[in-house]
Amino acid sequence: MDYLNAFWVGGLICALVQILLDKTKLMPGRVMVLLVCTGTLLGALGLYQPLLDYAGAGAGVPLLGFGNTLWIGMKEAINENGVLGLFTGGFTACAAGISAALIFSYIASLIFKPKMKE
């Protein structure tokens, strides 16, 4: 049942974002920022954790989950270091994921030959 919940929640998030992209003139970069900020806000309000517990990776993998992870890291760092944690917590919480994305994308660029669109 966990897989089914992850699938339908993640699919619903992606479908809603696709509708947002299709029905508005927002550029994809702005939508990505909107998703991260929304995930952070939902995490701060305590609304994202129940969704994450229910859907697992279906809620944790989209950009909403990245925003929630930033919030969790900032909250922990603020509790430990005070106001300075506001600036360091998000980086600490997301360092492993961002590092993995950079390393794997670099390896992929070595394996595959990029081509310009014609």
PDB file of N, CA and C in Angstrom:
ATOM      1  N   MET A   1       0.816  -1.193   0.000  1.00  0.00           N
ATOM      2  CA  MET A   1       0.000   0.000   0.000  1.00  0.00           C
ATOM      3  C   MET A   1       0.865   1.264   0.000  1.00  0.00           C
ATOM      4  N   ASP A   2       2.077   1.157   0.587  1.00  0.00           N
ATOM      5  CA  ASP A   2       2.977   2.313   0.608  1.00  0.00           C
ATOM      6  C   ASP A   2       3.332   2.770  -0.806  1.00  0.00           C
ATOM      7  N   TYR A   3       3.561   1.813  -1.701  1.00  0.00           N
ATOM      8  CA  TYR A   3       3.906   2.163  -3.072  1.00  0.00           C
ATOM      9  C   TYR A   3       2.744   2.868  -3.776  1.00  0.00           C
ATOM     10  N   LEU A   4       1.549   2.378  -3.543  1.00  0.00           N
ATOM     11  CA  LEU A   4       0.369   2.981  -4.159  1.00  0.00           C
ATOM     12  C   LEU A   4       0.167   4.416  -3.667  1.00  0.00           C
ATOM     13  N   ASN A   5       0.323   4.625  -2.362  1.00  0.00           N
ATOM     14  CA  ASN A   5       0.176   5.977  -1.811  1.00  0.00           C
ATOM     15  C   ASN A   5       1.246   6.916  -2.359  1.00  0.00           C
ATOM     16  N   ALA A   6       2.483   6.423  -2.443  1.00  0.00           N
ATOM     17  CA  ALA A   6       3.559   7.249  -2.998  1.00  0.00           C
ATOM     18  C   ALA A   6       3.259   7.590  -4.460  1.00  0.00           C
ATOM     19  N   PHE A   7       2.754   6.626  -5.194  1.00  0.00           N
ATOM     20  CA  PHE A   7       2.482   6.840  -6.619  1.00  0.00           C
ATOM     21  C   PHE A   7       1.382   7.873  -6.831  1.00  0.00           C
ATOM     22  N   TRP A   8       0.267   7.725  -6.126  1.00  0.00           N
ATOM     23  CA  TRP A   8      -0.843   8.641  -6.416  1.00  0.00           C
ATOM     24  C   TRP A   8      -0.598  10.036  -5.867  1.00  0.00           C
ATOM     25  N   VAL A   9       0.071  10.152  -4.713  1.00  0.00           N
ATOM     26  CA  VAL A   9       0.343  11.489  -4.177  1.00  0.00           C
ATOM     27  C   VAL A   9       1.397  12.198  -5.035  1.00  0.00           C
ATOM     28  N   GLY A  10       2.472  11.499  -5.364  1.00  0.00           N
ATOM     29  CA  GLY A  10       3.494  12.092  -6.231  1.00  0.00           C
ATOM     30  C   GLY A  10       2.940  12.441  -7.602  1.00  0.00           C
ATOM     31  N   GLY A  11       2.101  11.570  -8.139  1.00  0.00           N
ATOM     32  CA  GLY A  11       1.472  11.845  -9.424  1.00  0.00           C
ATOM     33  C   GLY A  11       0.532  13.036  -9.377  1.00  0.00           C
ATOM     34  N   LEU A  12      -0.192  13.160  -8.280  1.00  0.00           N
ATOM     35  CA  LEU A  12      -1.103  14.299  -8.124  1.00  0.00           C
ATOM     36  C   LEU A  12      -0.322  15.609  -8.029  1.00  0.00           C
ATOM     37  N   ILE A  13       0.774  15.606  -7.278  1.00  0.00           N
ATOM     38  CA  ILE A  13       1.612  16.806  -7.184  1.00  0.00           C
ATOM     39  C   ILE A  13       2.133  17.187  -8.561  1.00  0.00           C
ATOM     40  N   CYS A  14       2.647  16.207  -9.283  1.00  0.00           N
ATOM     41  CA  CYS A  14       3.194  16.488 -10.615  1.00  0.00           C
ATOM     42  C   CYS A  14       2.111  16.940 -11.587  1.00  0.00           C
ATOM     43  N   ALA A  15       0.927  16.340 -11.512  1.00  0.00           N
ATOM     44  CA  ALA A  15      -0.166  16.740 -12.392  1.00  0.00           C
ATOM     45  C   ALA A  15      -0.610  18.179 -12.106  1.00  0.00           C
ATOM     46  N   LEU A  16      -0.694  18.539 -10.826  1.00  0.00           N
ATOM     47  CA  LEU A  16      -1.082  19.906 -10.475  1.00  0.00           C
ATOM     48  C   LEU A  16      -0.043  20.918 -10.950  1.00  0.00           C
ATOM     49  N   VAL A  17       1.215  20.559 -10.844  1.00  0.00           N
ATOM     50  CA  VAL A  17       2.273  21.455 -11.324  1.00  0.00           C
ATOM     51  C   VAL A  17       2.204  21.585 -12.846  1.00  0.00           C
ATOM     52  N   GLN A  18       1.919  20.480 -13.535  1.00  0.00           N
ATOM     53  CA  GLN A  18       1.814  20.535 -14.991  1.00  0.00           C
ATOM     54  C   GLN A  18       0.632  21.417 -15.413  1.00  0.00           C
ATOM     55  N   ILE A  19      -0.473  21.316 -14.705  1.00  0.00           N
ATOM     56  CA  ILE A  19      -1.623  22.175 -14.991  1.00  0.00           C
ATOM     57  C   ILE A  19      -1.251  23.634 -14.756  1.00  0.00           C
ATOM     58  N   LEU A  20      -0.525  23.904 -13.663  1.00  0.00           N
ATOM     59  CA  LEU A  20      -0.071  25.268 -13.379  1.00  0.00           C
ATOM     60  C   LEU A  20       0.806  25.797 -14.509  1.00  0.00           C
ATOM     61  N   LEU A  21       1.691  24.967 -15.018  1.00  0.00           N
ATOM     62  CA  LEU A  21       2.561  25.390 -16.120  1.00  0.00           C
ATOM     63  C   LEU A  21       1.761  25.636 -17.403  1.00  0.00           C
ATOM     64  N   ASP A  22       0.782  24.776 -17.658  1.00  0.00           N
ATOM     65  CA  ASP A  22       0.001  24.890 -18.890  1.00  0.00           C
ATOM     66  C   ASP A  22      -0.987  26.052 -18.875  1.00  0.00           C
ATOM     67  N   LYS A  23      -1.564  26.346 -17.737  1.00  0.00           N
ATOM     68  CA  LYS A  23      -2.631  27.335 -17.659  1.00  0.00           C
ATOM     69  C   LYS A  23      -2.164  28.743 -17.296  1.00  0.00           C
ATOM     70  N   THR A  24      -0.907  28.901 -16.926  1.00  0.00           N
ATOM     71  CA  THR A  24      -0.392  30.231 -16.586  1.00  0.00           C
ATOM     72  C   THR A  24       0.793  30.545 -17.489  1.00  0.00           C
ATOM     73  N   LYS A  25       1.261  31.750 -17.397  1.00  0.00           N
ATOM     74  CA  LYS A  25       2.432  32.155 -18.173  1.00  0.00           C
ATOM     75  C   LYS A  25       3.703  32.105 -17.323  1.00  0.00           C
ATOM     76  N   LEU A  26       3.638  31.396 -16.189  1.00  0.00           N
ATOM     77  CA  LEU A  26       4.805  31.300 -15.320  1.00  0.00           C
ATOM     78  C   LEU A  26       5.894  30.461 -15.978  1.00  0.00           C
ATOM     79  N   MET A  27       7.110  30.920 -15.881  1.00  0.00           N
ATOM     80  CA  MET A  27       8.245  30.183 -16.414  1.00  0.00           C
ATOM     81  C   MET A  27       8.576  29.029 -15.460  1.00  0.00           C
ATOM     82  N   PRO A  28       9.150  27.943 -15.970  1.00  0.00           N
ATOM     83  CA  PRO A  28       9.447  26.783 -15.123  1.00  0.00           C
ATOM     84  C   PRO A  28      10.324  27.117 -13.912  1.00  0.00           C
ATOM     85  N   GLY A  29      11.267  28.010 -14.057  1.00  0.00           N
ATOM     86  CA  GLY A  29      12.114  28.382 -12.926  1.00  0.00           C
ATOM     87  C   GLY A  29      11.324  29.012 -11.802  1.00  0.00           C
ATOM     88  N   ARG A  30      10.365  29.836 -12.150  1.00  0.00           N
ATOM     89  CA  ARG A  30       9.527  30.476 -11.130  1.00  0.00           C
ATOM     90  C   ARG A  30       8.625  29.464 -10.445  1.00  0.00           C
ATOM     91  N   VAL A  31       8.136  28.494 -11.212  1.00  0.00           N
ATOM     92  CA  VAL A  31       7.307  27.444 -10.620  1.00  0.00           C
ATOM     93  C   VAL A  31       8.143  26.600  -9.659  1.00  0.00           C
ATOM     94  N   MET A  32       9.387  26.336 -10.018  1.00  0.00           N
ATOM     95  CA  MET A  32      10.265  25.576  -9.132  1.00  0.00           C
ATOM     96  C   MET A  32      10.492  26.324  -7.824  1.00  0.00           C
ATOM     97  N   VAL A  33      10.739  27.611  -7.898  1.00  0.00           N
ATOM     98  CA  VAL A  33      10.919  28.419  -6.687  1.00  0.00           C
ATOM     99  C   VAL A  33       9.630  28.428  -5.878  1.00  0.00           C
ATOM    100  N   LEU A  34       8.498  28.541  -6.543  1.00  0.00           N
ATOM    101  CA  LEU A  34       7.206  28.514  -5.862  1.00  0.00           C
ATOM    102  C   LEU A  34       7.008  27.193  -5.122  1.00  0.00           C
ATOM    103  N   LEU A  35       7.392  26.087  -5.723  1.00  0.00           N
ATOM    104  CA  LEU A  35       7.248  24.785  -5.077  1.00  0.00           C
ATOM    105  C   LEU A  35       8.140  24.667  -3.847  1.00  0.00           C
ATOM    106  N   VAL A  36       9.385  25.100  -3.955  1.00  0.00           N
ATOM    107  CA  VAL A  36      10.292  25.026  -2.809  1.00  0.00           C
ATOM    108  C   VAL A  36       9.775  25.899  -1.670  1.00  0.00           C
ATOM    109  N   CYS A  37       9.350  27.106  -1.998  1.00  0.00           N
ATOM    110  CA  CYS A  37       8.819  28.008  -0.958  1.00  0.00           C
ATOM    111  C   CYS A  37       7.532  27.459  -0.347  1.00  0.00           C
ATOM    112  N   THR A  38       6.683  26.852  -1.156  1.00  0.00           N
ATOM    113  CA  THR A  38       5.450  26.259  -0.639  1.00  0.00           C
ATOM    114  C   THR A  38       5.760  25.088   0.282  1.00  0.00           C
ATOM    115  N   GLY A  39       6.725  24.252  -0.095  1.00  0.00           N
ATOM    116  CA  GLY A  39       7.120  23.148   0.768  1.00  0.00           C
ATOM    117  C   GLY A  39       7.680  23.626   2.089  1.00  0.00           C
ATOM    118  N   THR A  40       8.448  24.715   2.052  1.00  0.00           N
ATOM    119  CA  THR A  40       8.989  25.296   3.281  1.00  0.00           C
ATOM    120  C   THR A  40       7.866  25.836   4.155  1.00  0.00           C
ATOM    121  N   LEU A  41       6.927  26.533   3.550  1.00  0.00           N
ATOM    122  CA  LEU A  41       5.802  27.091   4.303  1.00  0.00           C
ATOM    123  C   LEU A  41       4.934  25.989   4.905  1.00  0.00           C
ATOM    124  N   LEU A  42       4.630  24.956   4.122  1.00  0.00           N
ATOM    125  CA  LEU A  42       3.831  23.848   4.642  1.00  0.00           C
ATOM    126  C   LEU A  42       4.562  23.122   5.768  1.00  0.00           C
ATOM    127  N   GLY A  43       5.884  23.013   5.656  1.00  0.00           N
ATOM    128  CA  GLY A  43       6.665  22.412   6.727  1.00  0.00           C
ATOM    129  C   GLY A  43       6.639  23.257   7.983  1.00  0.00           C
ATOM    130  N   ALA A  44       6.749  24.566   7.820  1.00  0.00           N
ATOM    131  CA  ALA A  44       6.736  25.473   8.971  1.00  0.00           C
ATOM    132  C   ALA A  44       5.381  25.455   9.671  1.00  0.00           C
ATOM    133  N   LEU A  45       4.313  25.255   8.910  1.00  0.00           N
ATOM    134  CA  LEU A  45       2.974  25.208   9.495  1.00  0.00           C
ATOM    135  C   LEU A  45       2.642  23.828  10.063  1.00  0.00           C
ATOM    136  N   GLY A  46       3.530  22.860   9.856  1.00  0.00           N
ATOM    137  CA  GLY A  46       3.303  21.511  10.362  1.00  0.00           C
ATOM    138  C   GLY A  46       2.363  20.686   9.512  1.00  0.00           C
ATOM    139  N   LEU A  47       2.104  21.116   8.289  1.00  0.00           N
ATOM    140  CA  LEU A  47       1.171  20.412   7.415  1.00  0.00           C
ATOM    141  C   LEU A  47       1.862  19.403   6.496  1.00  0.00           C
ATOM    142  N   TYR A  48       3.154  19.546   6.290  1.00  0.00           N
ATOM    143  CA  TYR A  48       3.820  18.678   5.312  1.00  0.00           C
ATOM    144  C   TYR A  48       4.232  17.339   5.917  1.00  0.00           C
ATOM    145  N   GLN A  49       4.568  17.309   7.188  1.00  0.00           N
ATOM    146  CA  GLN A  49       5.038  16.059   7.795  1.00  0.00           C
ATOM    147  C   GLN A  49       3.983  14.955   7.760  1.00  0.00           C
ATOM    148  N   PRO A  50       2.698  15.241   8.051  1.00  0.00           N
ATOM    149  CA  PRO A  50       1.694  14.169   7.918  1.00  0.00           C
ATOM    150  C   PRO A  50       1.588  13.637   6.484  1.00  0.00           C
ATOM    151  N   LEU A  51       1.700  14.524   5.495  1.00  0.00           N
ATOM    152  CA  LEU A  51       1.672  14.083   4.100  1.00  0.00           C
ATOM    153  C   LEU A  51       2.893  13.224   3.795  1.00  0.00           C
ATOM    154  N   LEU A  52       4.038  13.609   4.313  1.00  0.00           N
ATOM    155  CA  LEU A  52       5.269  12.847   4.120  1.00  0.00           C
ATOM    156  C   LEU A  52       5.171  11.478   4.790  1.00  0.00           C
ATOM    157  N   ASP A  53       4.582  11.425   5.962  1.00  0.00           N
ATOM    158  CA  ASP A  53       4.395  10.137   6.652  1.00  0.00           C
ATOM    159  C   ASP A  53       3.447   9.235   5.880  1.00  0.00           C
ATOM    160  N   TYR A  54       2.448   9.817   5.239  1.00  0.00           N
ATOM    161  CA  TYR A  54       1.463   9.036   4.494  1.00  0.00           C
ATOM    162  C   TYR A  54       2.011   8.567   3.145  1.00  0.00           C
ATOM    163  N   ALA A  55       2.646   9.461   2.409  1.00  0.00           N
ATOM    164  CA  ALA A  55       3.026   9.160   1.029  1.00  0.00           C
ATOM    165  C   ALA A  55       4.497   8.803   0.852  1.00  0.00           C
ATOM    166  N   GLY A  56       5.326   9.005   1.831  1.00  0.00           N
ATOM    167  CA  GLY A  56       6.738   8.661   1.717  1.00  0.00           C
ATOM    168  C   GLY A  56       7.418   9.411   0.589  1.00  0.00           C
ATOM    169  N   ALA A  57       8.054   8.666  -0.312  1.00  0.00           N
ATOM    170  CA  ALA A  57       8.800   9.275  -1.410  1.00  0.00           C
ATOM    171  C   ALA A  57       7.895  10.045  -2.367  1.00  0.00           C
ATOM    172  N   GLY A  58       6.621   9.713  -2.421  1.00  0.00           N
ATOM    173  CA  GLY A  58       5.694  10.447  -3.283  1.00  0.00           C
ATOM    174  C   GLY A  58       5.576  11.905  -2.884  1.00  0.00           C
ATOM    175  N   ALA A  59       5.804  12.194  -1.613  1.00  0.00           N
ATOM    176  CA  ALA A  59       5.772  13.574  -1.138  1.00  0.00           C
ATOM    177  C   ALA A  59       7.170  14.116  -0.889  1.00  0.00           C
ATOM    178  N   GLY A  60       8.142  13.237  -0.687  1.00  0.00           N
ATOM    179  CA  GLY A  60       9.490  13.692  -0.352  1.00  0.00           C
ATOM    180  C   GLY A  60      10.361  14.007  -1.543  1.00  0.00           C
ATOM    181  N   VAL A  61      10.095  13.377  -2.679  1.00  0.00           N
ATOM    182  CA  VAL A  61      10.960  13.556  -3.843  1.00  0.00           C
ATOM    183  C   VAL A  61      10.664  14.832  -4.631  1.00  0.00           C
ATOM    184  N   PRO A  62       9.392  15.233  -4.829  1.00  0.00           N
ATOM    185  CA  PRO A  62       9.159  16.484  -5.565  1.00  0.00           C
ATOM    186  C   PRO A  62       9.759  17.692  -4.846  1.00  0.00           C
ATOM    187  N   LEU A  63       9.791  18.812  -5.507  1.00  0.00           N
ATOM    188  CA  LEU A  63      10.403  20.011  -4.945  1.00  0.00           C
ATOM    189  C   LEU A  63       9.726  20.487  -3.667  1.00  0.00           C
ATOM    190  N   LEU A  64       8.486  20.129  -3.458  1.00  0.00           N
ATOM    191  CA  LEU A  64       7.854  20.442  -2.184  1.00  0.00           C
ATOM    192  C   LEU A  64       8.617  19.782  -1.040  1.00  0.00           C
ATOM    193  N   GLY A  65       9.059  18.560  -1.260  1.00  0.00           N
ATOM    194  CA  GLY A  65       9.839  17.844  -0.252  1.00  0.00           C
ATOM    195  C   GLY A  65      11.184  18.485  -0.006  1.00  0.00           C
ATOM    196  N   PHE A  66      11.791  19.054  -1.052  1.00  0.00           N
ATOM    197  CA  PHE A  66      13.064  19.760  -0.884  1.00  0.00           C
ATOM    198  C   PHE A  66      12.880  20.982   0.005  1.00  0.00           C
ATOM    199  N   GLY A  67      11.802  21.712  -0.203  1.00  0.00           N
ATOM    200  CA  GLY A  67      11.508  22.864   0.647  1.00  0.00           C
ATOM    201  C   GLY A  67      11.284  22.450   2.087  1.00  0.00           C
ATOM    202  N   ASN A  68      10.588  21.336   2.286  1.00  0.00           N
ATOM    203  CA  ASN A  68      10.358  20.834   3.636  1.00  0.00           C
ATOM    204  C   ASN A  68      11.677  20.427   4.295  1.00  0.00           C
ATOM    205  N   THR A  69      12.568  19.804   3.541  1.00  0.00           N
ATOM    206  CA  THR A  69      13.872  19.429   4.074  1.00  0.00           C
ATOM    207  C   THR A  69      14.672  20.665   4.467  1.00  0.00           C
ATOM    208  N   LEU A  70      14.603  21.705   3.660  1.00  0.00           N
ATOM    209  CA  LEU A  70      15.261  22.963   4.025  1.00  0.00           C
ATOM    210  C   LEU A  70      14.719  23.488   5.353  1.00  0.00           C
ATOM    211  N   TRP A  71      13.407  23.451   5.520  1.00  0.00           N
ATOM    212  CA  TRP A  71      12.798  23.936   6.753  1.00  0.00           C
ATOM    213  C   TRP A  71      13.253  23.114   7.961  1.00  0.00           C
ATOM    214  N   ILE A  72      13.258  21.795   7.815  1.00  0.00           N
ATOM    215  CA  ILE A  72      13.668  20.933   8.921  1.00  0.00           C
ATOM    216  C   ILE A  72      15.106  21.246   9.333  1.00  0.00           C
ATOM    217  N   GLY A  73      15.981  21.400   8.339  1.00  0.00           N
ATOM    218  CA  GLY A  73      17.376  21.730   8.636  1.00  0.00           C
ATOM    219  C   GLY A  73      17.511  23.082   9.310  1.00  0.00           C
ATOM    220  N   MET A  74      16.763  24.069   8.841  1.00  0.00           N
ATOM    221  CA  MET A  74      16.827  25.394   9.455  1.00  0.00           C
ATOM    222  C   MET A  74      16.294  25.371  10.879  1.00  0.00           C
ATOM    223  N   LYS A  75      15.206  24.646  11.100  1.00  0.00           N
ATOM    224  CA  LYS A  75      14.616  24.577  12.433  1.00  0.00           C
ATOM    225  C   LYS A  75      15.595  23.950  13.431  1.00  0.00           C
ATOM    226  N   GLU A  76      16.242  22.858  13.031  1.00  0.00           N
ATOM    227  CA  GLU A  76      17.213  22.204  13.915  1.00  0.00           C
ATOM    228  C   GLU A  76      18.415  23.103  14.178  1.00  0.00           C
ATOM    229  N   ALA A  77      18.906  23.767  13.139  1.00  0.00           N
ATOM    230  CA  ALA A  77      20.080  24.633  13.299  1.00  0.00           C
ATOM    231  C   ALA A  77      19.756  25.863  14.138  1.00  0.00           C
ATOM    232  N   ILE A  78      18.546  26.389  14.012  1.00  0.00           N
ATOM    233  CA  ILE A  78      18.153  27.538  14.839  1.00  0.00           C
ATOM    234  C   ILE A  78      18.100  27.129  16.307  1.00  0.00           C
ATOM    235  N   ASN A  79      17.586  25.927  16.569  1.00  0.00           N
ATOM    236  CA  ASN A  79      17.539  25.444  17.947  1.00  0.00           C
ATOM    237  C   ASN A  79      18.938  25.258  18.535  1.00  0.00           C
ATOM    238  N   GLU A  80      19.900  24.872  17.693  1.00  0.00           N
ATOM    239  CA  GLU A  80      21.267  24.635  18.168  1.00  0.00           C
ATOM    240  C   GLU A  80      22.110  25.911  18.202  1.00  0.00           C
ATOM    241  N   ASN A  81      22.014  26.730  17.156  1.00  0.00           N
ATOM    242  CA  ASN A  81      22.938  27.855  16.992  1.00  0.00           C
ATOM    243  C   ASN A  81      22.277  29.225  17.049  1.00  0.00           C
ATOM    244  N   GLY A  82      21.002  29.286  17.270  1.00  0.00           N
ATOM    245  CA  GLY A  82      20.320  30.573  17.289  1.00  0.00           C
ATOM    246  C   GLY A  82      20.072  31.091  15.885  1.00  0.00           C
ATOM    247  N   VAL A  83      20.106  32.393  15.740  1.00  0.00           N
ATOM    248  CA  VAL A  83      19.774  33.032  14.468  1.00  0.00           C
ATOM    249  C   VAL A  83      20.731  32.618  13.351  1.00  0.00           C
ATOM    250  N   LEU A  84      21.974  32.314  13.679  1.00  0.00           N
ATOM    251  CA  LEU A  84      22.940  31.880  12.659  1.00  0.00           C
ATOM    252  C   LEU A  84      22.464  30.608  11.957  1.00  0.00           C
ATOM    253  N   GLY A  85      21.724  29.765  12.660  1.00  0.00           N
ATOM    254  CA  GLY A  85      21.189  28.546  12.068  1.00  0.00           C
ATOM    255  C   GLY A  85      20.236  28.802  10.926  1.00  0.00           C
ATOM    256  N   LEU A  86      19.635  29.982  10.901  1.00  0.00           N
ATOM    257  CA  LEU A  86      18.756  30.354   9.802  1.00  0.00           C
ATOM    258  C   LEU A  86      19.499  30.328   8.471  1.00  0.00           C
ATOM    259  N   PHE A  87      20.786  30.658   8.508  1.00  0.00           N
ATOM    260  CA  PHE A  87      21.590  30.727   7.289  1.00  0.00           C
ATOM    261  C   PHE A  87      22.328  29.431   6.985  1.00  0.00           C
ATOM    262  N   THR A  88      22.559  28.582   7.985  1.00  0.00           N
ATOM    263  CA  THR A  88      23.361  27.372   7.770  1.00  0.00           C
ATOM    264  C   THR A  88      22.545  26.092   7.729  1.00  0.00           C
ATOM    265  N   GLY A  89      21.390  26.076   8.354  1.00  0.00           N
ATOM    266  CA  GLY A  89      20.626  24.841   8.504  1.00  0.00           C
ATOM    267  C   GLY A  89      20.170  24.213   7.206  1.00  0.00           C
ATOM    268  N   GLY A  90      19.696  25.007   6.275  1.00  0.00           N
ATOM    269  CA  GLY A  90      19.233  24.465   5.003  1.00  0.00           C
ATOM    270  C   GLY A  90      20.347  23.821   4.210  1.00  0.00           C
ATOM    271  N   PHE A  91      21.519  24.434   4.243  1.00  0.00           N
ATOM    272  CA  PHE A  91      22.668  23.870   3.524  1.00  0.00           C
ATOM    273  C   PHE A  91      23.091  22.537   4.132  1.00  0.00           C
ATOM    274  N   THR A  92      23.103  22.479   5.449  1.00  0.00           N
ATOM    275  CA  THR A  92      23.510  21.254   6.129  1.00  0.00           C
ATOM    276  C   THR A  92      22.533  20.120   5.835  1.00  0.00           C
ATOM    277  N   ALA A  93      21.246  20.405   5.876  1.00  0.00           N
ATOM    278  CA  ALA A  93      20.231  19.375   5.676  1.00  0.00           C
ATOM    279  C   ALA A  93      20.231  18.826   4.253  1.00  0.00           C
ATOM    280  N   CYS A  94      20.565  19.648   3.282  1.00  0.00           N
ATOM    281  CA  CYS A  94      20.469  19.242   1.873  1.00  0.00           C
ATOM    282  C   CYS A  94      21.817  18.937   1.234  1.00  0.00           C
ATOM    283  N   ALA A  95      22.881  19.003   1.991  1.00  0.00           N
ATOM    284  CA  ALA A  95      24.217  18.852   1.411  1.00  0.00           C
ATOM    285  C   ALA A  95      24.405  17.515   0.708  1.00  0.00           C
ATOM    286  N   ALA A  96      23.953  16.421   1.308  1.00  0.00           N
ATOM    287  CA  ALA A  96      24.159  15.104   0.704  1.00  0.00           C
ATOM    288  C   ALA A  96      23.414  14.980  -0.625  1.00  0.00           C
ATOM    289  N   GLY A  97      22.168  15.437  -0.671  1.00  0.00           N
ATOM    290  CA  GLY A  97      21.384  15.338  -1.897  1.00  0.00           C
ATOM    291  C   GLY A  97      21.927  16.205  -3.014  1.00  0.00           C
ATOM    292  N   ILE A  98      22.331  17.410  -2.679  1.00  0.00           N
ATOM    293  CA  ILE A  98      22.884  18.312  -3.690  1.00  0.00           C
ATOM    294  C   ILE A  98      24.220  17.790  -4.188  1.00  0.00           C
ATOM    295  N   SER A  99      25.056  17.282  -3.283  1.00  0.00           N
ATOM    296  CA  SER A  99      26.349  16.722  -3.686  1.00  0.00           C
ATOM    297  C   SER A  99      26.159  15.520  -4.604  1.00  0.00           C
ATOM    298  N   ALA A 100      25.224  14.651  -4.265  1.00  0.00           N
ATOM    299  CA  ALA A 100      24.963  13.484  -5.107  1.00  0.00           C
ATOM    300  C   ALA A 100      24.488  13.913  -6.495  1.00  0.00           C
ATOM    301  N   ALA A 101      23.611  14.908  -6.565  1.00  0.00           N
ATOM    302  CA  ALA A 101      23.124  15.387  -7.864  1.00  0.00           C
ATOM    303  C   ALA A 101      24.274  15.934  -8.702  1.00  0.00           C
ATOM    304  N   LEU A 102      25.172  16.684  -8.089  1.00  0.00           N
ATOM    305  CA  LEU A 102      26.309  17.232  -8.822  1.00  0.00           C
ATOM    306  C   LEU A 102      27.252  16.134  -9.303  1.00  0.00           C
ATOM    307  N   ILE A 103      27.564  15.191  -8.433  1.00  0.00           N
ATOM    308  CA  ILE A 103      28.503  14.120  -8.789  1.00  0.00           C
ATOM    309  C   ILE A 103      27.925  13.245  -9.890  1.00  0.00           C
ATOM    310  N   PHE A 104      26.662  12.821  -9.745  1.00  0.00           N
ATOM    311  CA  PHE A 104      26.070  11.940 -10.748  1.00  0.00           C
ATOM    312  C   PHE A 104      25.846  12.652 -12.077  1.00  0.00           C
ATOM    313  N   SER A 105      25.524  13.925 -12.050  1.00  0.00           N
ATOM    314  CA  SER A 105      25.371  14.640 -13.319  1.00  0.00           C
ATOM    315  C   SER A 105      26.720  14.822 -14.006  1.00  0.00           C
ATOM    316  N   TYR A 106      27.773  15.003 -13.223  1.00  0.00           N
ATOM    317  CA  TYR A 106      29.109  15.102 -13.824  1.00  0.00           C
ATOM    318  C   TYR A 106      29.506  13.772 -14.459  1.00  0.00           C
ATOM    319  N   ILE A 107      29.243  12.674 -13.765  1.00  0.00           N
ATOM    320  CA  ILE A 107      29.551  11.352 -14.326  1.00  0.00           C
ATOM    321  C   ILE A 107      28.744  11.120 -15.604  1.00  0.00           C
ATOM    322  N   ALA A 108      27.478  11.506 -15.606  1.00  0.00           N
ATOM    323  CA  ALA A 108      26.652  11.350 -16.804  1.00  0.00           C
ATOM    324  C   ALA A 108      27.191  12.185 -17.954  1.00  0.00           C
ATOM    325  N   SER A 109      27.732  13.375 -17.644  1.00  0.00           N
ATOM    326  CA  SER A 109      28.286  14.211 -18.716  1.00  0.00           C
ATOM    327  C   SER A 109      29.551  13.602 -19.304  1.00  0.00           C
ATOM    328  N   LEU A 110      30.257  12.800 -18.525  1.00  0.00           N
ATOM    329  CA  LEU A 110      31.442  12.119 -19.046  1.00  0.00           C
ATOM    330  C   LEU A 110      31.066  10.926 -19.916  1.00  0.00           C
ATOM    331  N   ILE A 111      29.976  10.268 -19.588  1.00  0.00           N
ATOM    332  CA  ILE A 111      29.550   9.068 -20.313  1.00  0.00           C
ATOM    333  C   ILE A 111      28.851   9.418 -21.623  1.00  0.00           C
ATOM    334  N   PHE A 112      27.976  10.408 -21.593  1.00  0.00           N
ATOM    335  CA  PHE A 112      27.175  10.753 -22.760  1.00  0.00           C
ATOM    336  C   PHE A 112      27.720  12.022 -23.408  1.00  0.00           C
ATOM    337  N   LYS A 113      27.610  12.095 -24.718  1.00  0.00           N
ATOM    338  CA  LYS A 113      28.092  13.258 -25.445  1.00  0.00           C
ATOM    339  C   LYS A 113      26.935  14.240 -25.633  1.00  0.00           C
ATOM    340  N   PRO A 114      27.045  15.443 -25.049  1.00  0.00           N
ATOM    341  CA  PRO A 114      25.962  16.405 -25.244  1.00  0.00           C
ATOM    342  C   PRO A 114      25.937  16.943 -26.670  1.00  0.00           C
ATOM    343  N   LYS A 115      24.743  17.201 -27.158  1.00  0.00           N
ATOM    344  CA  LYS A 115      24.576  17.740 -28.519  1.00  0.00           C
ATOM    345  C   LYS A 115      23.653  18.938 -28.434  1.00  0.00           C
ATOM    346  N   MET A 116      23.923  19.922 -29.263  1.00  0.00           N
ATOM    347  CA  MET A 116      23.057  21.093 -29.341  1.00  0.00           C
ATOM    348  C   MET A 116      21.818  20.749 -30.150  1.00  0.00           C
ATOM    349  N   LYS A 117      20.691  21.350 -29.802  1.00  0.00           N
ATOM    350  CA  LYS A 117      19.488  21.167 -30.595  1.00  0.00           C
ATOM    351  C   LYS A 117      19.643  21.913 -31.898  1.00  0.00           C
ATOM    352  N   GLU A 118      19.099  21.341 -32.927  1.00  0.00           N
ATOM    353  CA  GLU A 118      19.189  21.986 -34.239  1.00  0.00           C
ATOM    354  C   GLU A 118      17.887  22.607 -34.631  1.00  0.00           C
TER     355      GLU A 118
END
